[in-house]
PDB file of N, CA and C in Angstrom:
ATOM      1  N   UNK A   1     -68.994  75.310   7.048  1.00  0.00           N
ATOM      2  CA  UNK A   1     -69.331  76.719   6.741  1.00  0.00           C
ATOM      3  C   UNK A   1     -70.872  76.763   6.009  1.00  0.00           C
ATOM      4  N   UNK A   2     -71.703  77.593   6.679  1.00  0.00           N
ATOM      5  CA  UNK A   2     -72.925  77.746   6.077  1.00  0.00           C
ATOM      6  C   UNK A   2     -73.147  78.279   4.657  1.00  0.00           C
ATOM      7  N   UNK A   3     -74.164  77.965   4.128  1.00  0.00           N
ATOM      8  CA  UNK A   3     -74.422  78.392   2.765  1.00  0.00           C
ATOM      9  C   UNK A   3     -74.799  79.954   2.637  1.00  0.00           C
ATOM     10  N   UNK A   4     -74.213  80.383   1.660  1.00  0.00           N
ATOM     11  CA  UNK A   4     -74.646  82.005   1.326  1.00  0.00           C
ATOM     12  C   UNK A   4     -76.078  82.350   1.449  1.00  0.00           C
ATOM     13  N   UNK A   5     -76.980  81.329   0.608  1.00  0.00           N
ATOM     14  CA  UNK A   5     -78.193  81.637   0.742  1.00  0.00           C
ATOM     15  C   UNK A   5     -78.872  81.682   2.097  1.00  0.00           C
ATOM     16  N   UNK A   6     -78.472  80.662   2.962  1.00  0.00           N
ATOM     17  CA  UNK A   6     -78.888  80.694   4.354  1.00  0.00           C
ATOM     18  C   UNK A   6     -78.410  82.014   5.160  1.00  0.00           C
ATOM     19  N   UNK A   7     -77.024  82.269   5.095  1.00  0.00           N
ATOM     20  CA  UNK A   7     -76.780  83.452   5.647  1.00  0.00           C
ATOM     21  C   UNK A   7     -77.564  84.648   5.208  1.00  0.00           C
ATOM     22  N   UNK A   8     -77.793  84.822   3.814  1.00  0.00           N
ATOM     23  CA  UNK A   8     -78.505  85.826   3.252  1.00  0.00           C
ATOM     24  C   UNK A   8     -80.044  85.917   3.848  1.00  0.00           C
ATOM     25  N   UNK A   9     -80.481  84.800   4.205  1.00  0.00           N
ATOM     26  CA  UNK A   9     -81.859  84.731   4.719  1.00  0.00           C
ATOM     27  C   UNK A   9     -81.914  85.127   6.289  1.00  0.00           C
ATOM     28  N   UNK A  10     -80.958  84.660   7.015  1.00  0.00           N
ATOM     29  CA  UNK A  10     -80.933  85.177   8.435  1.00  0.00           C
ATOM     30  C   UNK A  10     -80.666  86.508   8.499  1.00  0.00           C
ATOM     31  N   UNK A  11     -79.743  87.106   7.623  1.00  0.00           N
ATOM     32  CA  UNK A  11     -79.602  88.653   7.538  1.00  0.00           C
ATOM     33  C   UNK A  11     -80.845  89.522   7.422  1.00  0.00           C
ATOM     34  N   UNK A  12     -81.618  88.962   6.519  1.00  0.00           N
ATOM     35  CA  UNK A  12     -82.818  89.674   6.212  1.00  0.00           C
ATOM     36  C   UNK A  12     -83.735  89.379   7.151  1.00  0.00           C
ATOM     37  N   UNK A  13     -83.851  88.324   7.814  1.00  0.00           N
ATOM     38  CA  UNK A  13     -84.767  88.031   8.983  1.00  0.00           C
ATOM     39  C   UNK A  13     -84.412  88.687  10.206  1.00  0.00           C
ATOM     40  N   UNK A  14     -83.109  89.104  10.413  1.00  0.00           N
ATOM     41  CA  UNK A  14     -82.760  89.964  11.641  1.00  0.00           C
ATOM     42  C   UNK A  14     -83.164  91.288  11.202  1.00  0.00           C
ATOM     43  N   UNK A  15     -82.863  91.743  10.015  1.00  0.00           N
ATOM     44  CA  UNK A  15     -83.099  93.131   9.562  1.00  0.00           C
ATOM     45  C   UNK A  15     -82.663  94.263  10.521  1.00  0.00           C
ATOM     46  N   UNK A  16     -81.483  94.411  10.715  1.00  0.00           N
ATOM     47  CA  UNK A  16     -80.713  95.569  11.373  1.00  0.00           C
ATOM     48  C   UNK A  16     -79.821  96.164  10.368  1.00  0.00           C
ATOM     49  N   UNK A  17     -79.894  97.306  10.176  1.00  0.00           N
ATOM     50  CA  UNK A  17     -79.470  98.278   9.149  1.00  0.00           C
ATOM     51  C   UNK A  17     -77.816  98.013   9.266  1.00  0.00           C
ATOM     52  N   UNK A  18     -77.244  97.966   8.101  1.00  0.00           N
ATOM     53  CA  UNK A  18     -75.795  97.765   8.038  1.00  0.00           C
ATOM     54  C   UNK A  18     -75.110  96.435   8.680  1.00  0.00           C
ATOM     55  N   UNK A  19     -75.958  95.421   9.170  1.00  0.00           N
ATOM     56  CA  UNK A  19     -75.560  94.174   9.652  1.00  0.00           C
ATOM     57  C   UNK A  19     -75.753  93.136   8.752  1.00  0.00           C
ATOM     58  N   UNK A  20     -74.450  92.352   8.651  1.00  0.00           N
ATOM     59  CA  UNK A  20     -74.556  91.091   7.947  1.00  0.00           C
ATOM     60  C   UNK A  20     -74.320  90.152   8.566  1.00  0.00           C
ATOM     61  N   UNK A  21     -74.955  88.930   8.542  1.00  0.00           N
ATOM     62  CA  UNK A  21     -74.635  87.569   9.310  1.00  0.00           C
ATOM     63  C   UNK A  21     -73.559  87.122   8.591  1.00  0.00           C
ATOM     64  N   UNK A  22     -72.410  86.617   9.200  1.00  0.00           N
ATOM     65  CA  UNK A  22     -71.298  85.977   8.371  1.00  0.00           C
ATOM     66  C   UNK A  22     -71.194  84.406   8.998  1.00  0.00           C
ATOM     67  N   UNK A  23     -71.722  84.003  10.048  1.00  0.00           N
ATOM     68  CA  UNK A  23     -71.616  82.663  10.546  1.00  0.00           C
ATOM     69  C   UNK A  23     -72.836  82.398  11.653  1.00  0.00           C
ATOM     70  N   UNK A  24     -73.097  81.056  11.736  1.00  0.00           N
ATOM     71  CA  UNK A  24     -74.105  80.727  12.733  1.00  0.00           C
ATOM     72  C   UNK A  24     -73.820  79.416  13.216  1.00  0.00           C
ATOM     73  N   UNK A  25     -74.085  78.952  14.348  1.00  0.00           N
ATOM     74  CA  UNK A  25     -73.973  77.785  15.016  1.00  0.00           C
ATOM     75  C   UNK A  25     -75.152  77.343  15.975  1.00  0.00           C
ATOM     76  N   UNK A  26     -75.828  76.304  15.754  1.00  0.00           N
ATOM     77  CA  UNK A  26     -76.713  75.931  16.781  1.00  0.00           C
ATOM     78  C   UNK A  26     -76.245  75.247  17.943  1.00  0.00           C
ATOM     79  N   UNK A  27     -76.595  75.775  19.127  1.00  0.00           N
ATOM     80  CA  UNK A  27     -76.279  75.334  20.421  1.00  0.00           C
ATOM     81  C   UNK A  27     -77.292  74.162  20.794  1.00  0.00           C
ATOM     82  N   UNK A  28     -78.602  74.450  20.575  1.00  0.00           N
ATOM     83  CA  UNK A  28     -79.599  73.209  20.875  1.00  0.00           C
ATOM     84  C   UNK A  28     -80.402  73.472  19.781  1.00  0.00           C
ATOM     85  N   UNK A  29     -81.764  72.650  19.642  1.00  0.00           N
ATOM     86  CA  UNK A  29     -82.722  72.815  18.852  1.00  0.00           C
ATOM     87  C   UNK A  29     -83.375  74.125  18.772  1.00  0.00           C
ATOM     88  N   UNK A  30     -83.278  74.753  19.996  1.00  0.00           N
ATOM     89  CA  UNK A  30     -84.026  76.154  20.042  1.00  0.00           C
ATOM     90  C   UNK A  30     -83.184  77.200  20.318  1.00  0.00           C
ATOM     91  N   UNK A  31     -81.790  77.070  20.172  1.00  0.00           N
ATOM     92  CA  UNK A  31     -80.837  78.183  20.520  1.00  0.00           C
ATOM     93  C   UNK A  31     -79.696  78.118  19.438  1.00  0.00           C
ATOM     94  N   UNK A  32     -79.648  79.414  18.725  1.00  0.00           N
ATOM     95  CA  UNK A  32     -78.385  79.657  17.737  1.00  0.00           C
ATOM     96  C   UNK A  32     -77.532  80.806  18.169  1.00  0.00           C
ATOM     97  N   UNK A  33     -76.318  80.719  17.877  1.00  0.00           N
ATOM     98  CA  UNK A  33     -75.353  81.786  18.015  1.00  0.00           C
ATOM     99  C   UNK A  33     -75.157  82.411  16.749  1.00  0.00           C
ATOM    100  N   UNK A  34     -75.247  83.515  16.397  1.00  0.00           N
ATOM    101  CA  UNK A  34     -75.039  84.286  15.231  1.00  0.00           C
ATOM    102  C   UNK A  34     -74.023  85.310  15.097  1.00  0.00           C
ATOM    103  N   UNK A  35     -72.953  85.083  14.296  1.00  0.00           N
ATOM    104  CA  UNK A  35     -71.757  86.025  14.103  1.00  0.00           C
ATOM    105  C   UNK A  35     -72.280  87.064  13.139  1.00  0.00           C
ATOM    106  N   UNK A  36     -72.130  88.321  13.573  1.00  0.00           N
ATOM    107  CA  UNK A  36     -72.497  89.368  12.682  1.00  0.00           C
ATOM    108  C   UNK A  36     -71.193  90.379  12.178  1.00  0.00           C
ATOM    109  N   UNK A  37     -71.456  91.208  11.257  1.00  0.00           N
ATOM    110  CA  UNK A  37     -70.428  91.982  10.885  1.00  0.00           C
ATOM    111  C   UNK A  37     -70.996  93.348  10.468  1.00  0.00           C
ATOM    112  N   UNK A  38     -70.454  94.475  10.848  1.00  0.00           N
ATOM    113  CA  UNK A  38     -70.918  95.782  10.463  1.00  0.00           C
ATOM    114  C   UNK A  38     -70.338  95.987   9.068  1.00  0.00           C
ATOM    115  N   UNK A  39     -71.383  96.318   8.385  1.00  0.00           N
ATOM    116  CA  UNK A  39     -71.160  96.723   6.817  1.00  0.00           C
ATOM    117  C   UNK A  39     -71.288  98.276   6.696  1.00  0.00           C
ATOM    118  N   UNK A  40     -71.344  99.002   7.753  1.00  0.00           N
ATOM    119  CA  UNK A  40     -71.368 100.539   7.718  1.00  0.00           C
ATOM    120  C   UNK A  40     -69.986 101.003   7.062  1.00  0.00           C
ATOM    121  N   UNK A  41     -70.047 102.066   5.985  1.00  0.00           N
ATOM    122  CA  UNK A  41     -68.706 102.560   5.711  1.00  0.00           C
ATOM    123  C   UNK A  41     -68.607 103.910   6.340  1.00  0.00           C
ATOM    124  N   UNK A  42     -69.513 104.565   7.153  1.00  0.00           N
ATOM    125  CA  UNK A  42     -69.393 105.628   7.871  1.00  0.00           C
ATOM    126  C   UNK A  42     -68.683 105.467   9.138  1.00  0.00           C
ATOM    127  N   UNK A  43     -67.835 106.291   9.494  1.00  0.00           N
ATOM    128  CA  UNK A  43     -66.809 106.177  10.696  1.00  0.00           C
ATOM    129  C   UNK A  43     -67.536 107.301  11.687  1.00  0.00           C
ATOM    130  N   UNK A  44     -67.371 106.853  12.929  1.00  0.00           N
ATOM    131  CA  UNK A  44     -67.921 107.725  13.822  1.00  0.00           C
ATOM    132  C   UNK A  44     -66.620 108.482  14.455  1.00  0.00           C
ATOM    133  N   UNK A  45     -66.348 109.673  14.850  1.00  0.00           N
ATOM    134  CA  UNK A  45     -65.358 110.319  15.211  1.00  0.00           C
ATOM    135  C   UNK A  45     -65.189 109.864  16.682  1.00  0.00           C
ATOM    136  N   UNK A  46     -63.900 109.787  17.373  1.00  0.00           N
ATOM    137  CA  UNK A  46     -63.681 109.293  18.481  1.00  0.00           C
ATOM    138  C   UNK A  46     -64.030 110.345  19.628  1.00  0.00           C
ATOM    139  N   UNK A  47     -64.789 110.124  20.748  1.00  0.00           N
ATOM    140  CA  UNK A  47     -64.958 111.148  21.648  1.00  0.00           C
ATOM    141  C   UNK A  47     -63.840 111.009  22.851  1.00  0.00           C
ATOM    142  N   UNK A  48     -63.329 112.016  23.119  1.00  0.00           N
ATOM    143  CA  UNK A  48     -62.206 112.239  24.135  1.00  0.00           C
ATOM    144  C   UNK A  48     -62.767 112.761  25.508  1.00  0.00           C
ATOM    145  N   UNK A  49     -62.264 112.028  26.431  1.00  0.00           N
ATOM    146  CA  UNK A  49     -62.759 112.336  27.896  1.00  0.00           C
ATOM    147  C   UNK A  49     -62.674 113.900  28.111  1.00  0.00           C
ATOM    148  N   UNK A  50     -61.559 114.374  27.869  1.00  0.00           N
ATOM    149  CA  UNK A  50     -61.384 115.635  28.270  1.00  0.00           C
ATOM    150  C   UNK A  50     -62.526 116.533  27.536  1.00  0.00           C
ATOM    151  N   UNK A  51     -62.639 116.281  26.163  1.00  0.00           N
ATOM    152  CA  UNK A  51     -63.835 117.160  25.567  1.00  0.00           C
ATOM    153  C   UNK A  51     -65.140 116.972  26.148  1.00  0.00           C
ATOM    154  N   UNK A  52     -65.280 115.703  26.711  1.00  0.00           N
ATOM    155  CA  UNK A  52     -66.632 115.608  27.201  1.00  0.00           C
ATOM    156  C   UNK A  52     -66.873 116.217  28.646  1.00  0.00           C
ATOM    157  N   UNK A  53     -65.707 116.286  29.407  1.00  0.00           N
ATOM    158  CA  UNK A  53     -65.866 117.030  30.674  1.00  0.00           C
ATOM    159  C   UNK A  53     -65.661 118.620  30.563  1.00  0.00           C
ATOM    160  N   UNK A  54     -65.712 119.309  29.544  1.00  0.00           N
ATOM    161  CA  UNK A  54     -65.417 120.646  29.493  1.00  0.00           C
ATOM    162  C   UNK A  54     -66.852 121.360  29.289  1.00  0.00           C
ATOM    163  N   UNK A  55     -67.346 121.720  30.635  1.00  0.00           N
ATOM    164  CA  UNK A  55     -68.640 122.299  30.541  1.00  0.00           C
ATOM    165  C   UNK A  55     -68.662 123.625  30.636  1.00  0.00           C
TER     166      UNK A  55
END
C-alpha cells in the first residue's frame, strides 16, 4: 500500500476539487494508474427520463 504522504502529494499534484487519490500502481516507468475517490458531501438529485422529455 502506498504511503500517505505520497498519496497526499499525488492528490495535490492532480488538483481536482473534491477528489482524493486512494491508491496507485506503476504500469511502466512512464505510466501510472491512479485510483481516486470523490470527497464531495453534496449529492446531485437524480434526473428522470420523463422529466427531461416534458417540453
